[in-house]
Amino acid sequence: MIPESCQAVISLLAEMHKASSQGRQEDQMPLRLISGMLRSSGNDAMLIMDSGMVNQFVLVTKQAILDIEAPPRCDESRLQQHIQIFSNIASEKYDRGDVKSDGRVWITSDDVAKWKRVH
């Protein structure tokens, strides 16, 4: 359960993203990684990325981390080893406007599978 104060921040970020993405131009900077960490629950990871206007929060699902490399492992080391890949996926999704209603970009195992097919 997400506290109400966090929900308000997430809603504000979603509105800011909507406003900024409406005026986006083709030559706008991609997202840049600020920081990333596995959440204490171990169920997912959070990346904080700079959009040039606001910080963009990115959720990386546990399954995405497990699927990025064999053997499957979901820990801080695996996240940090592949953080640039997750950052690139997040930036591409953000540029396409693929942002969830909570204001975050979500990276799932499907995104990892698509990335693997291209790379």
Protein backbone atom coordinates (compact mmCIF):
# COMPACT_ATOMS: atom_id res chain seq x y z
CA MET A 1 0.00 0.00 0.00
CA ILE A 2 1.39 3.38 -0.97
CA PRO A 3 0.90 6.19 1.61
CA GLU A 4 -1.36 9.07 0.55
CA SER A 5 1.52 11.55 0.61
CA CYS A 6 3.44 9.37 -1.86
CA GLN A 7 0.34 8.99 -4.03
CA ALA A 8 0.06 12.78 -4.22
CA VAL A 9 3.70 13.08 -5.33
CA ILE A 10 3.26 10.30 -7.90
CA SER A 11 0.11 11.99 -9.27
CA LEU A 12 1.92 15.32 -9.49
CA LEU A 13 4.81 13.69 -11.36
CA ALA A 14 2.37 12.05 -13.77
CA GLU A 15 0.75 15.40 -14.51
CA MET A 16 4.15 17.05 -14.98
CA HIS A 17 5.17 14.29 -17.37
CA LYS A 18 1.96 14.71 -19.37
CA ALA A 19 2.55 18.43 -19.67
CA SER A 20 6.20 18.03 -20.63
CA SER A 21 5.60 15.22 -23.12
CA GLN A 22 2.95 17.24 -24.97
CA GLY A 23 5.60 19.78 -25.89
CA ARG A 24 8.42 17.31 -26.55
CA GLN A 25 10.49 17.71 -29.66
CA GLU A 26 12.40 15.08 -31.61
CA ASP A 27 15.77 16.43 -30.49
CA GLN A 28 14.99 16.38 -26.75
CA MET A 29 17.58 14.71 -24.54
CA PRO A 30 16.98 11.12 -23.52
CA LEU A 31 16.61 10.25 -19.86
CA ARG A 32 19.89 10.18 -17.93
CA LEU A 33 20.48 7.87 -14.98
CA ILE A 34 20.91 9.55 -11.60
CA SER A 35 20.70 6.51 -9.32
CA GLY A 36 19.27 3.01 -9.10
CA MET A 37 18.67 0.57 -6.29
CA LEU A 38 16.96 -2.70 -5.52
CA ARG A 39 14.10 -2.05 -3.13
CA SER A 40 14.37 -3.66 0.31
CA SER A 41 11.47 -5.99 -0.49
CA GLY A 42 13.52 -7.49 -3.32
CA ASN A 43 10.41 -7.43 -5.51
CA ASP A 44 11.61 -4.72 -7.88
CA ALA A 45 14.13 -1.96 -8.42
CA MET A 46 13.77 1.79 -8.72
CA LEU A 47 15.79 3.98 -11.06
CA ILE A 48 15.78 7.75 -10.75
CA MET A 49 16.46 9.43 -14.07
CA ASP A 50 16.78 13.04 -15.19
CA SER A 51 14.43 14.10 -17.98
CA GLY A 52 15.93 17.58 -18.18
CA MET A 53 12.88 19.06 -16.46
CA VAL A 54 12.03 16.71 -13.58
CA ASN A 55 13.28 13.46 -12.14
CA GLN A 56 11.58 10.46 -13.75
CA PHE A 57 11.01 7.37 -11.64
CA VAL A 58 11.44 3.99 -13.33
CA LEU A 59 10.29 0.69 -11.86
CA VAL A 60 12.18 -2.43 -12.96
CA THR A 61 10.21 -5.58 -12.15
CA LYS A 62 11.80 -8.54 -10.43
CA GLN A 63 11.12 -10.71 -13.48
CA ALA A 64 12.92 -8.19 -15.73
CA ILE A 65 15.99 -8.41 -13.49
CA LEU A 66 15.77 -12.21 -13.43
CA ASP A 67 15.48 -12.37 -17.24
CA ILE A 68 18.33 -9.99 -18.12
CA GLU A 69 20.99 -12.71 -17.84
CA ALA A 70 21.34 -16.42 -17.08
CA PRO A 71 21.41 -17.83 -14.52
CA PRO A 72 18.41 -15.87 -13.21
CA ARG A 73 19.27 -13.74 -10.19
CA CYS A 74 17.57 -10.73 -8.61
CA ASP A 75 19.99 -8.81 -6.43
CA GLU A 76 21.74 -5.45 -6.25
CA SER A 77 24.79 -6.79 -8.07
CA ARG A 78 22.75 -7.98 -11.06
CA LEU A 79 20.89 -4.68 -11.20
CA GLN A 80 24.10 -2.63 -11.15
CA GLN A 81 25.75 -4.92 -13.72
CA HIS A 82 22.95 -4.18 -16.22
CA ILE A 83 21.81 -0.74 -15.08
CA GLN A 84 22.80 0.90 -18.37
CA ILE A 85 20.61 -1.54 -20.32
CA PHE A 86 17.66 -0.82 -18.02
CA SER A 87 18.37 2.92 -18.38
CA ASN A 88 18.37 2.66 -22.17
CA ILE A 89 15.10 0.71 -22.18
CA ALA A 90 13.55 3.30 -19.84
CA SER A 91 14.69 6.19 -22.02
CA GLU A 92 13.25 4.59 -25.16
CA LYS A 93 9.92 3.93 -23.44
CA TYR A 94 9.81 7.47 -22.04
CA ASP A 95 10.52 8.95 -25.48
CA ARG A 96 7.57 6.96 -26.87
CA GLY A 97 5.33 8.26 -24.07
CA ASP A 98 5.06 4.80 -22.53
CA VAL A 99 4.46 6.02 -18.96
CA LYS A 100 2.00 4.35 -16.57
CA SER A 101 -0.84 6.26 -14.92
CA ASP A 102 1.24 6.43 -11.72
CA GLY A 103 3.80 8.57 -13.59
CA ARG A 104 6.50 5.92 -13.73
CA VAL A 105 8.05 4.03 -16.61
CA TRP A 106 7.81 0.30 -15.92
CA ILE A 107 10.39 -2.12 -17.31
CA THR A 108 9.05 -5.67 -17.51
CA SER A 109 10.33 -9.03 -18.70
CA ASP A 110 8.64 -8.31 -22.07
CA ASP A 111 10.82 -5.21 -22.45
CA VAL A 112 13.93 -7.25 -21.67
CA ALA A 113 12.90 -9.90 -24.22
CA LYS A 114 12.42 -7.19 -26.89
CA TRP A 115 15.82 -5.69 -26.05
CA LYS A 116 17.48 -9.13 -26.33
CA ARG A 117 15.96 -9.70 -29.78
CA VAL A 118 17.45 -6.44 -31.07
CA HIS A 119 20.82 -6.75 -29.34
